[in-house]
PDB file of N, CA and C in Angstrom:
ATOM      1  N   MET A   1     131.020 115.120 -45.960  1.00  0.00           N
ATOM      2  CA  MET A   1     131.165 116.393 -45.592  1.00  0.00           C
ATOM      3  C   MET A   1     130.174 117.408 -44.739  1.00  0.00           C
ATOM      4  N   LEU A   2     130.719 117.719 -43.834  1.00  0.00           N
ATOM      5  CA  LEU A   2     129.538 118.221 -42.994  1.00  0.00           C
ATOM      6  C   LEU A   2     130.259 119.975 -43.088  1.00  0.00           C
ATOM      7  N   SER A   3     129.970 120.752 -43.158  1.00  0.00           N
ATOM      8  CA  SER A   3     130.621 122.282 -43.722  1.00  0.00           C
ATOM      9  C   SER A   3     130.812 122.838 -42.302  1.00  0.00           C
ATOM     10  N   TYR A   4     131.292 123.962 -42.565  1.00  0.00           N
ATOM     11  CA  TYR A   4     131.876 124.304 -41.369  1.00  0.00           C
ATOM     12  C   TYR A   4     131.090 124.782 -40.086  1.00  0.00           C
ATOM     13  N   ALA A   5     129.833 125.488 -40.608  1.00  0.00           N
ATOM     14  CA  ALA A   5     128.048 126.055 -40.333  1.00  0.00           C
ATOM     15  C   ALA A   5     127.741 124.978 -39.408  1.00  0.00           C
ATOM     16  N   ALA A   6     127.013 123.774 -39.878  1.00  0.00           N
ATOM     17  CA  ALA A   6     126.775 122.481 -39.625  1.00  0.00           C
ATOM     18  C   ALA A   6     127.540 122.230 -38.890  1.00  0.00           C
ATOM     19  N   ILE A   7     128.883 121.890 -38.591  1.00  0.00           N
ATOM     20  CA  ILE A   7     129.503 121.394 -37.436  1.00  0.00           C
ATOM     21  C   ILE A   7     128.892 122.632 -36.485  1.00  0.00           C
ATOM     22  N   ILE A   8     129.440 124.057 -36.060  1.00  0.00           N
ATOM     23  CA  ILE A   8     128.929 124.967 -35.546  1.00  0.00           C
ATOM     24  C   ILE A   8     127.495 124.610 -34.636  1.00  0.00           C
ATOM     25  N   GLN A   9     126.365 124.688 -36.128  1.00  0.00           N
ATOM     26  CA  GLN A   9     125.492 124.182 -35.830  1.00  0.00           C
ATOM     27  C   GLN A   9     124.737 123.270 -34.848  1.00  0.00           C
ATOM     28  N   GLU A  10     125.313 122.079 -35.210  1.00  0.00           N
ATOM     29  CA  GLU A  10     125.290 120.280 -33.942  1.00  0.00           C
ATOM     30  C   GLU A  10     125.552 120.861 -33.305  1.00  0.00           C
ATOM     31  N   ARG A  11     127.420 121.245 -32.805  1.00  0.00           N
ATOM     32  CA  ARG A  11     127.512 121.278 -31.773  1.00  0.00           C
ATOM     33  C   ARG A  11     127.162 122.332 -30.960  1.00  0.00           C
ATOM     34  N   THR A  12     126.357 123.767 -31.186  1.00  0.00           N
ATOM     35  CA  THR A  12     126.018 124.288 -30.395  1.00  0.00           C
ATOM     36  C   THR A  12     124.234 123.478 -29.896  1.00  0.00           C
ATOM     37  N   LEU A  13     123.768 122.808 -30.647  1.00  0.00           N
ATOM     38  CA  LEU A  13     122.499 122.174 -30.462  1.00  0.00           C
ATOM     39  C   LEU A  13     122.915 121.139 -29.037  1.00  0.00           C
ATOM     40  N   TYR A  14     124.084 120.475 -29.407  1.00  0.00           N
ATOM     41  CA  TYR A  14     124.270 119.768 -28.576  1.00  0.00           C
ATOM     42  C   TYR A  14     124.543 120.340 -27.309  1.00  0.00           C
ATOM     43  N   LEU A  15     125.352 121.340 -26.679  1.00  0.00           N
ATOM     44  CA  LEU A  15     125.549 122.450 -25.476  1.00  0.00           C
ATOM     45  C   LEU A  15     124.399 122.638 -25.163  1.00  0.00           C
ATOM     46  N   LEU A  16     123.431 123.579 -25.862  1.00  0.00           N
ATOM     47  CA  LEU A  16     122.160 123.691 -25.325  1.00  0.00           C
ATOM     48  C   LEU A  16     121.424 122.640 -24.937  1.00  0.00           C
ATOM     49  N   HIS A  17     121.731 121.517 -25.628  1.00  0.00           N
ATOM     50  CA  HIS A  17     120.545 119.965 -25.467  1.00  0.00           C
ATOM     51  C   HIS A  17     121.126 119.720 -23.455  1.00  0.00           C
ATOM     52  N   PHE A  18     122.365 119.941 -23.233  1.00  0.00           N
ATOM     53  CA  PHE A  18     123.333 119.621 -22.322  1.00  0.00           C
ATOM     54  C   PHE A  18     123.355 120.586 -21.044  1.00  0.00           C
ATOM     55  N   VAL A  19     122.792 121.357 -21.454  1.00  0.00           N
ATOM     56  CA  VAL A  19     122.989 122.519 -20.543  1.00  0.00           C
ATOM     57  C   VAL A  19     121.248 123.071 -19.375  1.00  0.00           C
ATOM     58  N   SER A  20     120.381 122.345 -20.648  1.00  0.00           N
ATOM     59  CA  SER A  20     119.241 121.877 -20.026  1.00  0.00           C
ATOM     60  C   SER A  20     118.510 121.032 -19.253  1.00  0.00           C
ATOM     61  N   LEU A  21     119.668 120.294 -19.381  1.00  0.00           N
ATOM     62  CA  LEU A  21     119.366 118.930 -18.200  1.00  0.00           C
ATOM     63  C   LEU A  21     119.647 119.880 -17.082  1.00  0.00           C
ATOM     64  N   PHE A  22     120.306 120.539 -17.068  1.00  0.00           N
ATOM     65  CA  PHE A  22     121.211 120.530 -15.445  1.00  0.00           C
ATOM     66  C   PHE A  22     119.755 121.589 -15.271  1.00  0.00           C
ATOM     67  N   GLU A  23     118.710 122.707 -15.656  1.00  0.00           N
ATOM     68  CA  GLU A  23     118.152 123.730 -15.878  1.00  0.00           C
ATOM     69  C   GLU A  23     116.660 123.295 -14.895  1.00  0.00           C
ATOM     70  N   GLN A  24     116.187 122.095 -15.413  1.00  0.00           N
ATOM     71  CA  GLN A  24     115.107 120.938 -15.166  1.00  0.00           C
ATOM     72  C   GLN A  24     115.291 120.546 -14.034  1.00  0.00           C
ATOM     73  N   PRO A  25     114.096 120.713 -13.375  1.00  0.00           N
ATOM     74  CA  PRO A  25     114.396 120.716 -11.598  1.00  0.00           C
ATOM     75  C   PRO A  25     113.749 119.323 -11.466  1.00  0.00           C
ATOM     76  N   THR A  26     114.694 118.682 -10.349  1.00  0.00           N
ATOM     77  CA  THR A  26     114.609 117.483 -10.343  1.00  0.00           C
ATOM     78  C   THR A  26     114.547 116.446  -9.124  1.00  0.00           C
ATOM     79  N   GLU A  27     113.847 115.578  -8.916  1.00  0.00           N
ATOM     80  CA  GLU A  27     113.125 114.793  -7.658  1.00  0.00           C
ATOM     81  C   GLU A  27     114.432 114.867  -6.599  1.00  0.00           C
ATOM     82  N   ALA A  28     113.609 115.252  -5.626  1.00  0.00           N
ATOM     83  CA  ALA A  28     115.074 114.793  -4.509  1.00  0.00           C
ATOM     84  C   ALA A  28     115.340 113.978  -4.226  1.00  0.00           C
ATOM     85  N   ALA A  29     116.827 113.715  -3.662  1.00  0.00           N
ATOM     86  CA  ALA A  29     117.455 112.494  -4.206  1.00  0.00           C
ATOM     87  C   ALA A  29     117.557 111.842  -2.146  1.00  0.00           C
ATOM     88  N   LEU A  30     117.250 111.640  -1.581  1.00  0.00           N
ATOM     89  CA  LEU A  30     116.775 111.675  -0.619  1.00  0.00           C
ATOM     90  C   LEU A  30     115.795 111.208  -0.204  1.00  0.00           C
ATOM     91  N   GLU A  31     115.058 110.275   0.702  1.00  0.00           N
ATOM     92  CA  GLU A  31     113.888 110.149   1.161  1.00  0.00           C
ATOM     93  C   GLU A  31     114.196 110.625   2.755  1.00  0.00           C
ATOM     94  N   PRO A  32     112.906 110.827   3.148  1.00  0.00           N
ATOM     95  CA  PRO A  32     112.510 111.693   4.036  1.00  0.00           C
ATOM     96  C   PRO A  32     112.853 110.840   5.377  1.00  0.00           C
ATOM     97  N   GLN A  33     113.866 109.942   5.275  1.00  0.00           N
ATOM     98  CA  GLN A  33     113.813 109.292   6.657  1.00  0.00           C
ATOM     99  C   GLN A  33     115.309 109.347   6.567  1.00  0.00           C
ATOM    100  N   GLN A  34     116.114 109.061   5.202  1.00  0.00           N
ATOM    101  CA  GLN A  34     117.203 110.008   5.139  1.00  0.00           C
ATOM    102  C   GLN A  34     118.175 111.142   5.912  1.00  0.00           C
ATOM    103  N   ILE A  35     116.884 111.854   4.994  1.00  0.00           N
ATOM    104  CA  ILE A  35     117.208 113.616   5.491  1.00  0.00           C
ATOM    105  C   ILE A  35     116.933 113.559   6.879  1.00  0.00           C
ATOM    106  N   GLN A  36     116.501 112.970   7.953  1.00  0.00           N
ATOM    107  CA  GLN A  36     116.154 112.609   9.316  1.00  0.00           C
ATOM    108  C   GLN A  36     117.211 112.295   9.637  1.00  0.00           C
ATOM    109  N   ALA A  37     117.593 111.983   9.262  1.00  0.00           N
ATOM    110  CA  ALA A  37     119.166 110.813   9.969  1.00  0.00           C
ATOM    111  C   ALA A  37     120.143 111.256   9.643  1.00  0.00           C
ATOM    112  N   PHE A  38     120.355 111.925   8.149  1.00  0.00           N
ATOM    113  CA  PHE A  38     122.015 112.964   7.711  1.00  0.00           C
ATOM    114  C   PHE A  38     121.399 114.529   9.196  1.00  0.00           C
ATOM    115  N   ASP A  39     120.396 115.284   9.445  1.00  0.00           N
ATOM    116  CA  ASP A  39     120.113 116.003  10.595  1.00  0.00           C
ATOM    117  C   ASP A  39     120.910 115.328  11.413  1.00  0.00           C
ATOM    118  N   GLN A  40     119.826 114.761  11.853  1.00  0.00           N
ATOM    119  CA  GLN A  40     120.660 114.158  13.604  1.00  0.00           C
ATOM    120  C   GLN A  40     121.830 114.477  13.282  1.00  0.00           C
ATOM    121  N   LEU A  41     122.560 113.793  12.097  1.00  0.00           N
ATOM    122  CA  LEU A  41     123.638 113.702  12.225  1.00  0.00           C
ATOM    123  C   LEU A  41     124.674 114.764  12.705  1.00  0.00           C
ATOM    124  N   ARG A  42     124.100 115.521  11.512  1.00  0.00           N
ATOM    125  CA  ARG A  42     124.778 116.614  11.682  1.00  0.00           C
ATOM    126  C   ARG A  42     124.638 118.383  13.072  1.00  0.00           C
ATOM    127  N   ARG A  43     123.589 117.461  13.506  1.00  0.00           N
ATOM    128  CA  ARG A  43     123.244 118.219  14.745  1.00  0.00           C
ATOM    129  C   ARG A  43     124.568 117.627  16.238  1.00  0.00           C
ATOM    130  N   LEU A  44     124.025 116.574  15.985  1.00  0.00           N
ATOM    131  CA  LEU A  44     124.853 115.730  17.065  1.00  0.00           C
ATOM    132  C   LEU A  44     126.756 116.226  16.260  1.00  0.00           C
ATOM    133  N   TYR A  45     127.496 116.190  15.128  1.00  0.00           N
ATOM    134  CA  TYR A  45     128.733 116.494  15.309  1.00  0.00           C
ATOM    135  C   TYR A  45     128.763 118.208  14.850  1.00  0.00           C
ATOM    136  N   ARG A  46     127.873 118.646  15.464  1.00  0.00           N
ATOM    137  CA  ARG A  46     127.801 120.794  15.169  1.00  0.00           C
ATOM    138  C   ARG A  46     129.496 120.676  16.449  1.00  0.00           C
ATOM    139  N   GLY A  47     129.965 122.249  16.428  1.00  0.00           N
ATOM    140  CA  GLY A  47     131.060 122.266  16.834  1.00  0.00           C
ATOM    141  C   GLY A  47     131.819 122.761  16.238  1.00  0.00           C
ATOM    142  N   PRO A  48     133.221 123.024  16.229  1.00  0.00           N
ATOM    143  CA  PRO A  48     134.349 124.341  15.455  1.00  0.00           C
ATOM    144  C   PRO A  48     134.866 123.208  14.489  1.00  0.00           C
ATOM    145  N   SER A  49     134.983 123.690  13.535  1.00  0.00           N
ATOM    146  CA  SER A  49     135.664 123.503  11.791  1.00  0.00           C
ATOM    147  C   SER A  49     136.796 122.418  12.190  1.00  0.00           C
ATOM    148  N   ARG A  50     136.785 121.868  11.769  1.00  0.00           N
ATOM    149  CA  ARG A  50     138.716 121.012  11.538  1.00  0.00           C
ATOM    150  C   ARG A  50     139.343 122.450  11.389  1.00  0.00           C
ATOM    151  N   LEU A  51     139.123 123.545  10.778  1.00  0.00           N
ATOM    152  CA  LEU A  51     140.036 124.545  10.196  1.00  0.00           C
ATOM    153  C   LEU A  51     140.339 125.366  11.480  1.00  0.00           C
ATOM    154  N   ALA A  52     139.407 125.203  12.008  1.00  0.00           N
ATOM    155  CA  ALA A  52     139.279 126.474  13.524  1.00  0.00           C
ATOM    156  C   ALA A  52     140.420 125.480  14.489  1.00  0.00           C
ATOM    157  N   ILE A  53     139.752 124.147  14.581  1.00  0.00           N
ATOM    158  CA  ILE A  53     140.535 123.730  15.394  1.00  0.00           C
ATOM    159  C   ILE A  53     142.323 123.788  15.329  1.00  0.00           C
ATOM    160  N   LEU A  54     142.402 123.813  14.142  1.00  0.00           N
ATOM    161  CA  LEU A  54     143.753 123.412  13.119  1.00  0.00           C
ATOM    162  C   LEU A  54     144.503 124.673  13.374  1.00  0.00           C
ATOM    163  N   THR A  55     144.129 126.533  12.845  1.00  0.00           N
ATOM    164  CA  THR A  55     144.393 127.689  13.542  1.00  0.00           C
ATOM    165  C   THR A  55     144.830 127.937  14.946  1.00  0.00           C
ATOM    166  N   GLU A  56     143.650 127.491  15.727  1.00  0.00           N
ATOM    167  CA  GLU A  56     143.981 127.554  17.346  1.00  0.00           C
ATOM    168  C   GLU A  56     145.213 126.893  17.471  1.00  0.00           C
ATOM    169  N   LEU A  57     145.871 125.624  16.898  1.00  0.00           N
ATOM    170  CA  LEU A  57     146.727 125.012  17.171  1.00  0.00           C
ATOM    171  C   LEU A  57     148.062 125.150  16.759  1.00  0.00           C
ATOM    172  N   SER A  58     147.825 125.587  15.515  1.00  0.00           N
ATOM    173  CA  SER A  58     148.484 126.607  14.790  1.00  0.00           C
ATOM    174  C   SER A  58     149.297 128.191  15.596  1.00  0.00           C
ATOM    175  N   ARG A  59     148.406 128.954  15.732  1.00  0.00           N
ATOM    176  CA  ARG A  59     148.649 129.928  17.109  1.00  0.00           C
ATOM    177  C   ARG A  59     148.735 129.748  18.186  1.00  0.00           C
ATOM    178  N   ASN A  60     148.418 128.563  18.201  1.00  0.00           N
ATOM    179  CA  ASN A  60     149.058 127.597  20.381  1.00  0.00           C
ATOM    180  C   ASN A  60     150.739 127.934  20.028  1.00  0.00           C
ATOM    181  N   ARG A  61     150.955 126.973  18.912  1.00  0.00           N
ATOM    182  CA  ARG A  61     152.729 126.580  18.361  1.00  0.00           C
ATOM    183  C   ARG A  61     153.635 127.610  18.285  1.00  0.00           C
ATOM    184  N   ASN A  62     153.149 128.617  17.696  1.00  0.00           N
ATOM    185  CA  ASN A  62     153.349 130.072  16.913  1.00  0.00           C
ATOM    186  C   ASN A  62     153.815 130.766  18.624  1.00  0.00           C
ATOM    187  N   SER A  63     152.903 130.926  18.652  1.00  0.00           N
ATOM    188  CA  SER A  63     153.275 131.902  20.348  1.00  0.00           C
ATOM    189  C   SER A  63     154.403 131.429  21.655  1.00  0.00           C
ATOM    190  N   ASP A  64     154.394 129.643  21.097  1.00  0.00           N
ATOM    191  CA  ASP A  64     155.308 129.125  22.286  1.00  0.00           C
ATOM    192  C   ASP A  64     156.991 129.547  21.737  1.00  0.00           C
ATOM    193  N   LYS A  65     156.566 128.724  20.398  1.00  0.00           N
ATOM    194  CA  LYS A  65     158.090 129.174  19.865  1.00  0.00           C
ATOM    195  C   LYS A  65     158.945 130.553  19.813  1.00  0.00           C
ATOM    196  N   HIS A  66     157.853 131.589  19.809  1.00  0.00           N
ATOM    197  CA  HIS A  66     158.719 132.458  20.443  1.00  0.00           C
ATOM    198  C   HIS A  66     158.644 133.040  21.735  1.00  0.00           C
ATOM    199  N   GLY A  67     158.157 132.328  22.823  1.00  0.00           N
ATOM    200  CA  GLY A  67     157.870 132.596  23.915  1.00  0.00           C
ATOM    201  C   GLY A  67     157.386 133.816  24.331  1.00  0.00           C
ATOM    202  N   LEU A  68     155.826 133.640  23.669  1.00  0.00           N
ATOM    203  CA  LEU A  68     155.015 134.467  24.135  1.00  0.00           C
ATOM    204  C   LEU A  68     153.735 134.082  24.365  1.00  0.00           C
ATOM    205  N   PHE A  69     153.083 134.728  25.552  1.00  0.00           N
ATOM    206  CA  PHE A  69     151.498 134.818  26.412  1.00  0.00           C
ATOM    207  C   PHE A  69     151.165 135.599  26.385  1.00  0.00           C
ATOM    208  N   GLN A  70     149.732 134.664  25.006  1.00  0.00           N
ATOM    209  CA  GLN A  70     148.742 136.334  25.167  1.00  0.00           C
ATOM    210  C   GLN A  70     147.801 135.700  26.039  1.00  0.00           C
ATOM    211  N   PRO A  71     147.692 136.846  26.850  1.00  0.00           N
ATOM    212  CA  PRO A  71     146.553 136.555  28.258  1.00  0.00           C
ATOM    213  C   PRO A  71     144.909 136.343  27.510  1.00  0.00           C
ATOM    214  N   GLY A  72     144.687 137.191  26.943  1.00  0.00           N
ATOM    215  CA  GLY A  72     143.554 137.592  25.877  1.00  0.00           C
ATOM    216  C   GLY A  72     142.950 136.362  25.284  1.00  0.00           C
ATOM    217  N   SER A  73     144.132 135.916  24.561  1.00  0.00           N
ATOM    218  CA  SER A  73     143.976 134.927  23.380  1.00  0.00           C
ATOM    219  C   SER A  73     143.239 133.415  24.361  1.00  0.00           C
ATOM    220  N   VAL A  74     143.222 133.523  25.243  1.00  0.00           N
ATOM    221  CA  VAL A  74     142.548 132.193  26.337  1.00  0.00           C
ATOM    222  C   VAL A  74     141.189 131.833  26.092  1.00  0.00           C
ATOM    223  N   ALA A  75     140.982 133.480  26.598  1.00  0.00           N
ATOM    224  CA  ALA A  75     139.658 133.695  26.044  1.00  0.00           C
ATOM    225  C   ALA A  75     139.143 133.331  24.963  1.00  0.00           C
ATOM    226  N   ASN A  76     139.883 133.146  24.018  1.00  0.00           N
ATOM    227  CA  ASN A  76     139.170 133.229  22.184  1.00  0.00           C
ATOM    228  C   ASN A  76     139.426 132.434  21.660  1.00  0.00           C
ATOM    229  N   SER A  77     139.639 131.136  22.380  1.00  0.00           N
ATOM    230  CA  SER A  77     140.402 130.116  22.246  1.00  0.00           C
ATOM    231  C   SER A  77     139.083 128.936  21.651  1.00  0.00           C
ATOM    232  N   VAL A  78     139.153 128.044  20.616  1.00  0.00           N
ATOM    233  CA  VAL A  78     137.528 127.495  19.999  1.00  0.00           C
ATOM    234  C   VAL A  78     137.640 126.164  21.768  1.00  0.00           C
ATOM    235  N   PHE A  79     139.322 125.806  22.206  1.00  0.00           N
ATOM    236  CA  PHE A  79     138.936 124.833  22.953  1.00  0.00           C
ATOM    237  C   PHE A  79     138.477 125.368  24.687  1.00  0.00           C
ATOM    238  N   GLN A  80     138.059 126.807  24.646  1.00  0.00           N
ATOM    239  CA  GLN A  80     137.598 126.808  26.136  1.00  0.00           C
ATOM    240  C   GLN A  80     136.003 126.888  25.860  1.00  0.00           C
ATOM    241  N   ASN A  81     135.331 127.281  24.398  1.00  0.00           N
ATOM    242  CA  ASN A  81     133.781 127.320  24.586  1.00  0.00           C
ATOM    243  C   ASN A  81     133.861 125.902  24.345  1.00  0.00           C
ATOM    244  N   GLU A  82     132.699 126.085  25.648  1.00  0.00           N
ATOM    245  CA  GLU A  82     131.434 125.325  26.247  1.00  0.00           C
ATOM    246  C   GLU A  82     131.221 124.102  25.362  1.00  0.00           C
ATOM    247  N   ASN A  83     130.893 124.451  24.089  1.00  0.00           N
ATOM    248  CA  ASN A  83     130.171 123.489  23.006  1.00  0.00           C
ATOM    249  C   ASN A  83     131.413 122.874  22.444  1.00  0.00           C
ATOM    250  N   PHE A  84     133.096 122.887  22.788  1.00  0.00           N
ATOM    251  CA  PHE A  84     133.339 121.902  21.735  1.00  0.00           C
ATOM    252  C   PHE A  84     133.429 121.041  23.035  1.00  0.00           C
ATOM    253  N   GLN A  85     134.011 119.438  21.846  1.00  0.00           N
ATOM    254  CA  GLN A  85     133.609 117.900  22.856  1.00  0.00           C
ATOM    255  C   GLN A  85     134.476 117.461  22.012  1.00  0.00           C
ATOM    256  N   LEU A  86     135.709 116.630  22.826  1.00  0.00           N
ATOM    257  CA  LEU A  86     137.032 116.765  21.402  1.00  0.00           C
ATOM    258  C   LEU A  86     136.458 114.927  21.218  1.00  0.00           C
ATOM    259  N   ARG A  87     135.748 114.507  20.288  1.00  0.00           N
ATOM    260  CA  ARG A  87     135.728 112.663  19.905  1.00  0.00           C
ATOM    261  C   ARG A  87     136.478 111.774  19.382  1.00  0.00           C
ATOM    262  N   LEU A  88     137.342 111.233  20.193  1.00  0.00           N
ATOM    263  CA  LEU A  88     137.780 110.077  19.649  1.00  0.00           C
ATOM    264  C   LEU A  88     137.276 108.841  18.745  1.00  0.00           C
ATOM    265  N   SER A  89     137.780 108.494  17.938  1.00  0.00           N
ATOM    266  CA  SER A  89     137.069 107.238  17.842  1.00  0.00           C
ATOM    267  C   SER A  89     138.158 105.953  18.078  1.00  0.00           C
ATOM    268  N   PRO A  90     138.137 104.793  18.180  1.00  0.00           N
ATOM    269  CA  PRO A  90     138.607 103.937  18.179  1.00  0.00           C
ATOM    270  C   PRO A  90     139.626 103.136  17.150  1.00  0.00           C
ATOM    271  N   PRO A  91     140.958 102.554  17.270  1.00  0.00           N
ATOM    272  CA  PRO A  91     141.682 101.970  16.227  1.00  0.00           C
ATOM    273  C   PRO A  91     140.995 101.614  15.001  1.00  0.00           C
ATOM    274  N   PRO A  92     141.492 101.300  14.467  1.00  0.00           N
ATOM    275  CA  PRO A  92     140.958 100.649  13.173  1.00  0.00           C
ATOM    276  C   PRO A  92     141.069  98.807  13.741  1.00  0.00           C
ATOM    277  N   ALA A  93     139.914  97.462  13.573  1.00  0.00           N
ATOM    278  CA  ALA A  93     140.208  96.357  14.079  1.00  0.00           C
ATOM    279  C   ALA A  93     141.778  95.758  13.349  1.00  0.00           C
ATOM    280  N   ILE A  94     142.349  95.418  13.967  1.00  0.00           N
ATOM    281  CA  ILE A  94     143.887  94.423  13.229  1.00  0.00           C
ATOM    282  C   ILE A  94     143.356  93.360  13.409  1.00  0.00           C
ATOM    283  N   GLU A  95     142.766  92.615  11.805  1.00  0.00           N
ATOM    284  CA  GLU A  95     142.534  91.552  11.654  1.00  0.00           C
ATOM    285  C   GLU A  95     144.164  89.979  11.603  1.00  0.00           C
ATOM    286  N   ASP A  96     144.110  89.044  12.263  1.00  0.00           N
ATOM    287  CA  ASP A  96     145.077  88.212  12.200  1.00  0.00           C
ATOM    288  C   ASP A  96     145.215  87.606  11.123  1.00  0.00           C
TER     289      ASP A  96
END
């Protein structure tokens, strides 16, 4: 049977080995073509985040409930930004 000190030493060595696995530099997981394709895709979909859009919709809904109209809020809307584009995807194909 192992002593308490031996168990602690064994677990410490295991943890040090585990931590060292994350400290070693690793090779890039993606090939250059994959990185380029990802960058192109990211540039294509650059725009307001989903959180910004949901926040704006929530803000508009709350002001409609209370009958408030804030003229300054329209100018600051993410929907008035010239870069905003709503991208719709087709519905999923239904197989018979």
